[in-house]
Amino acid sequence: MCGIIGHLAFDEKYRISESFIQSLNQFLRHRGPDSEGTYLKGDIALAMRRLSIIDLEGGDQPIFSADGRYVIIFNGEIYNYQEIKADLQRKGYRFKTKSDTEVLMKAIMQYGWQGLDKCEGMWAFALYDENDGSLLLSRDRFSEKPLYLYQDKTGLYFASEAKFIFALLGHKLEINYDHLYRYLVNGYKALYKKSHTFFKGLKEVPSSSVLKIDRQGKETLE
């Protein structure tokens, strides 16, 4: 289990500080005791905690592309990453780590988001493009890894747990009592019939999907 958290500001006055994102990383500690990482540049702030499973020594995140264009934070595991890595090596890619996270990033660099079709595993990740300021968020086919979203005029917030978004915002969101009542009456199956969560305005990235957010906050769901 790892944990990721991030904020994409829609205006420079809403950017968060380095000290704040680092302090939030300590808040994520229970999701990954082995290492931590942050990235802060311009409108984007990313943080993650890692439970090391693959490439224990060299797989720390965030991971960057060789040209510095892309940065990724990842929660999950790509089971067939060795096969994908071999394919990418035949195409001329070189790898600095032995981690599945670097393989995932370079698969997307080579094939676009359709590179996820080649991946077998479970995941929730954020990939930021420095060139155009866009953010790519994705979850696996069966939603094994959580990824929550909240958006307002200050920007887009995402995290592995709802309380991490509350920490970013500095306040809790209002309880969605309609959804709570549906759950109490109909049980857990009611949770997956609509996209609502237990808090108003809080969403989840849909399973088996890719959500792209541009610099202005426009969303495109694939």
Protein backbone atom coordinates (compact mmCIF):
# COMPACT_ATOMS: atom_id res chain seq x y z
CA MET A 1 0.00 0.00 0.00
CA CYS A 2 1.26 3.45 -0.98
CA GLY A 3 -0.38 6.84 -0.81
CA ILE A 4 -0.47 9.75 -3.24
CA ILE A 5 -1.72 13.30 -2.92
CA GLY A 6 -1.63 16.37 -5.14
CA HIS A 7 -2.95 19.78 -6.07
CA LEU A 8 -3.12 21.50 -9.46
CA ALA A 9 -3.68 25.24 -8.96
CA PHE A 10 -5.72 27.12 -11.55
CA ASP A 11 -4.14 30.44 -10.57
CA GLU A 12 -0.74 31.18 -9.06
CA LYS A 13 -2.33 32.82 -6.02
CA TYR A 14 -3.72 29.39 -5.04
CA ARG A 15 -0.40 27.54 -5.18
CA ILE A 16 0.54 25.71 -1.99
CA SER A 17 3.90 26.02 -0.28
CA GLU A 18 6.72 23.48 -0.17
CA SER A 19 6.58 23.32 3.62
CA PHE A 20 2.85 22.57 3.50
CA ILE A 21 3.10 19.72 1.00
CA GLN A 22 6.00 18.22 2.96
CA SER A 23 4.00 18.38 6.18
CA LEU A 24 1.11 16.62 4.45
CA ASN A 25 3.48 13.87 3.41
CA GLN A 26 3.92 13.02 7.08
CA PHE A 27 0.14 12.75 7.29
CA LEU A 28 0.33 9.96 4.68
CA ARG A 29 2.93 7.98 6.61
CA HIS A 30 0.60 5.11 7.51
CA ARG A 31 0.22 4.31 3.81
CA GLY A 32 3.93 3.86 3.22
CA PRO A 33 6.68 3.70 5.85
CA ASP A 34 9.64 3.00 3.56
CA SER A 35 10.20 6.27 1.72
CA GLU A 36 8.61 9.55 0.75
CA GLY A 37 8.84 12.05 -2.06
CA THR A 38 7.51 15.44 -3.07
CA TYR A 39 7.48 17.55 -6.20
CA LEU A 40 6.56 21.22 -6.33
CA LYS A 41 6.92 23.41 -9.39
CA GLY A 42 4.67 26.19 -10.54
CA ASP A 43 1.03 25.17 -10.32
CA ILE A 44 1.60 21.51 -9.43
CA ALA A 45 2.30 19.99 -6.03
CA LEU A 46 2.70 16.22 -5.61
CA ALA A 47 3.55 14.01 -2.65
CA MET A 48 3.64 10.29 -1.99
CA ARG A 49 4.52 7.68 0.61
CA ARG A 50 5.89 4.33 -0.50
CA LEU A 51 5.60 0.79 0.70
CA SER A 52 8.52 -0.80 -1.14
CA ILE A 53 7.71 -4.01 -3.01
CA ILE A 54 9.55 -3.80 -6.35
CA ASP A 55 13.06 -2.30 -6.61
CA LEU A 56 13.42 -1.73 -2.88
CA GLU A 57 16.48 0.50 -3.18
CA GLY A 58 16.03 2.30 -6.48
CA GLY A 59 12.30 2.77 -6.93
CA ASP A 60 11.72 5.92 -4.89
CA GLN A 61 9.20 8.40 -6.26
CA PRO A 62 8.44 10.76 -7.88
CA ILE A 63 10.07 9.36 -11.01
CA PHE A 64 11.02 11.69 -13.85
CA SER A 65 11.48 11.15 -17.56
CA ALA A 66 15.01 11.62 -18.89
CA ASP A 67 14.13 14.95 -20.50
CA GLY A 68 12.36 16.20 -17.37
CA ARG A 69 9.05 16.58 -19.17
CA TYR A 70 7.07 14.00 -17.20
CA VAL A 71 6.81 13.26 -13.49
CA ILE A 72 4.79 10.39 -12.01
CA ILE A 73 3.59 9.24 -8.60
CA PHE A 74 2.08 5.78 -8.44
CA ASN A 75 0.20 3.55 -6.02
CA GLY A 76 -0.11 -0.06 -7.12
CA GLU A 77 1.70 -2.78 -8.97
CA ILE A 78 2.08 -3.66 -12.66
CA TYR A 79 2.35 -7.45 -12.69
CA ASN A 80 3.68 -7.78 -16.24
CA TYR A 81 6.09 -4.85 -16.12
CA GLN A 82 9.05 -7.03 -17.11
CA GLU A 83 7.43 -7.93 -20.43
CA ILE A 84 6.49 -4.29 -21.10
CA LYS A 85 10.00 -3.18 -20.16
CA ALA A 86 11.54 -5.64 -22.63
CA ASP A 87 9.27 -4.29 -25.39
CA LEU A 88 10.30 -0.71 -24.59
CA GLN A 89 13.99 -1.63 -24.48
CA ARG A 90 13.68 -3.03 -28.00
CA LYS A 91 12.36 0.39 -29.00
CA GLY A 92 15.42 2.09 -27.56
CA TYR A 93 14.27 3.08 -24.05
CA ARG A 94 16.78 3.01 -21.22
CA PHE A 95 15.89 2.60 -17.56
CA LYS A 96 17.48 4.09 -14.46
CA THR A 97 15.53 1.93 -12.01
CA LYS A 98 14.16 -1.59 -11.79
CA SER A 99 10.71 -0.35 -10.76
CA ASP A 100 7.36 -0.90 -12.43
CA THR A 101 6.62 2.81 -11.98
CA GLU A 102 9.28 3.84 -14.48
CA VAL A 103 8.02 1.20 -16.89
CA LEU A 104 4.48 2.54 -16.58
CA MET A 105 5.59 6.12 -17.28
CA LYS A 106 7.59 5.13 -20.35
CA ALA A 107 4.79 2.94 -21.68
CA ILE A 108 2.56 6.03 -21.63
CA MET A 109 5.32 8.09 -23.25
CA GLN A 110 5.54 5.54 -26.06
CA TYR A 111 1.89 4.65 -26.60
CA GLY A 112 -0.09 7.45 -24.99
CA TRP A 113 -2.70 6.52 -22.40
CA GLN A 114 -3.52 3.50 -24.60
CA GLY A 115 -0.33 2.02 -23.16
CA LEU A 116 -2.44 1.13 -20.14
CA ASP A 117 -4.12 -1.53 -22.26
CA LYS A 118 -0.84 -3.41 -22.11
CA CYS A 119 -0.71 -3.27 -18.32
CA GLU A 120 -1.95 -6.02 -16.03
CA GLY A 121 -2.23 -4.93 -12.43
CA MET A 122 -3.78 -2.52 -10.01
CA TRP A 123 -3.06 1.19 -9.91
CA ALA A 124 -3.89 4.76 -9.12
CA PHE A 125 -1.43 7.29 -10.45
CA ALA A 126 -0.84 10.90 -11.42
CA LEU A 127 1.32 11.84 -14.41
CA TYR A 128 2.16 15.52 -14.90
CA ASP A 129 3.33 16.99 -18.21
CA GLU A 130 5.63 19.98 -17.74
CA ASN A 131 5.28 21.02 -21.38
CA ASP A 132 1.57 21.76 -21.41
CA GLY A 133 0.78 21.79 -17.67
CA SER A 134 -1.70 18.92 -17.97
CA LEU A 135 -2.34 16.24 -15.37
CA LEU A 136 -3.28 12.63 -16.14
CA LEU A 137 -5.06 10.57 -13.47
CA SER A 138 -6.01 6.91 -13.80
CA ARG A 139 -7.34 3.92 -11.87
CA ASP A 140 -7.21 0.23 -12.69
CA ARG A 141 -10.03 -1.78 -14.25
CA PHE A 142 -11.51 -2.98 -10.95
CA SER A 143 -10.90 0.11 -8.79
CA GLU A 144 -8.62 -1.82 -6.47
CA LYS A 145 -6.68 1.37 -5.72
CA PRO A 146 -8.60 4.44 -4.49
CA LEU A 147 -8.28 7.91 -5.99
CA TYR A 148 -10.51 10.75 -4.79
CA LEU A 149 -11.06 14.11 -6.49
CA TYR A 150 -12.30 17.53 -5.50
CA GLN A 151 -12.35 20.68 -7.60
CA ASP A 152 -13.19 24.31 -6.85
CA LYS A 153 -11.96 27.72 -7.99
CA THR A 154 -8.61 27.18 -6.26
CA GLY A 155 -7.77 24.08 -8.28
CA LEU A 156 -8.01 20.32 -8.49
CA TYR A 157 -7.24 18.16 -5.47
CA PHE A 158 -6.65 14.41 -5.54
CA ALA A 159 -5.58 11.82 -2.97
CA SER A 160 -5.70 8.18 -1.91
CA GLU A 161 -8.00 8.99 1.00
CA ALA A 162 -10.74 11.57 1.50
CA LYS A 163 -9.14 12.91 4.67
CA PHE A 164 -6.01 13.81 2.72
CA ILE A 165 -8.10 16.13 0.56
CA PHE A 166 -9.59 17.66 3.70
CA ALA A 167 -6.04 18.31 4.90
CA LEU A 168 -5.19 20.01 1.60
CA LEU A 169 -8.31 22.14 1.76
CA GLY A 170 -7.94 22.96 5.44
CA HIS A 171 -11.53 21.91 6.20
CA LYS A 172 -13.88 18.95 5.90
CA LEU A 173 -16.51 18.71 3.20
CA GLU A 174 -20.21 18.57 3.99
CA ILE A 175 -21.64 15.08 4.49
CA ASN A 176 -23.75 13.76 1.61
CA TYR A 177 -26.69 12.46 3.64
CA ASP A 178 -28.60 11.22 0.58
CA HIS A 179 -25.78 8.84 -0.22
CA LEU A 180 -25.47 7.84 3.41
CA TYR A 181 -29.18 6.99 3.59
CA ARG A 182 -28.92 4.93 0.38
CA TYR A 183 -26.13 2.94 1.96
CA LEU A 184 -28.02 2.38 5.23
CA VAL A 185 -31.15 1.20 3.40
CA ASN A 186 -29.68 -0.73 0.47
CA GLY A 187 -26.26 -1.81 1.69
CA TYR A 188 -22.87 -1.62 0.02
CA LYS A 189 -24.23 -2.37 -3.48
CA ALA A 190 -25.87 1.06 -3.47
CA LEU A 191 -22.43 2.67 -3.34
CA TYR A 192 -21.56 1.72 -6.89
CA LYS A 193 -24.76 2.58 -8.75
CA LYS A 194 -23.95 6.29 -8.85
CA SER A 195 -20.75 8.33 -8.76
CA HIS A 196 -21.58 9.99 -5.43
CA THR A 197 -19.45 9.67 -2.31
CA PHE A 198 -20.24 10.29 1.35
CA PHE A 199 -19.12 13.94 1.01
CA LYS A 200 -20.60 16.62 -1.22
CA GLY A 201 -18.39 17.58 -4.11
CA LEU A 202 -16.02 14.68 -3.56
CA LYS A 203 -15.70 12.25 -6.45
CA GLU A 204 -13.69 9.19 -7.37
CA VAL A 205 -11.80 8.67 -10.59
CA PRO A 206 -13.92 6.01 -12.36
CA SER A 207 -12.53 2.51 -12.74
CA SER A 208 -10.77 1.63 -15.98
CA SER A 209 -10.49 5.27 -16.98
CA VAL A 210 -8.06 8.07 -17.72
CA LEU A 211 -8.90 11.61 -16.65
CA LYS A 212 -6.92 14.46 -18.21
CA ILE A 213 -7.06 17.93 -16.68
CA ASP A 214 -5.53 20.83 -18.59
CA ARG A 215 -3.97 23.96 -17.13
CA GLN A 216 -7.35 25.75 -17.07
CA GLY A 217 -9.13 22.89 -15.30
CA LYS A 218 -10.95 21.44 -18.32
CA GLU A 219 -11.50 17.70 -17.84
CA THR A 220 -11.47 15.00 -20.50
CA LEU A 221 -12.45 11.47 -19.46
CA GLU A 222 -11.41 8.48 -21.57
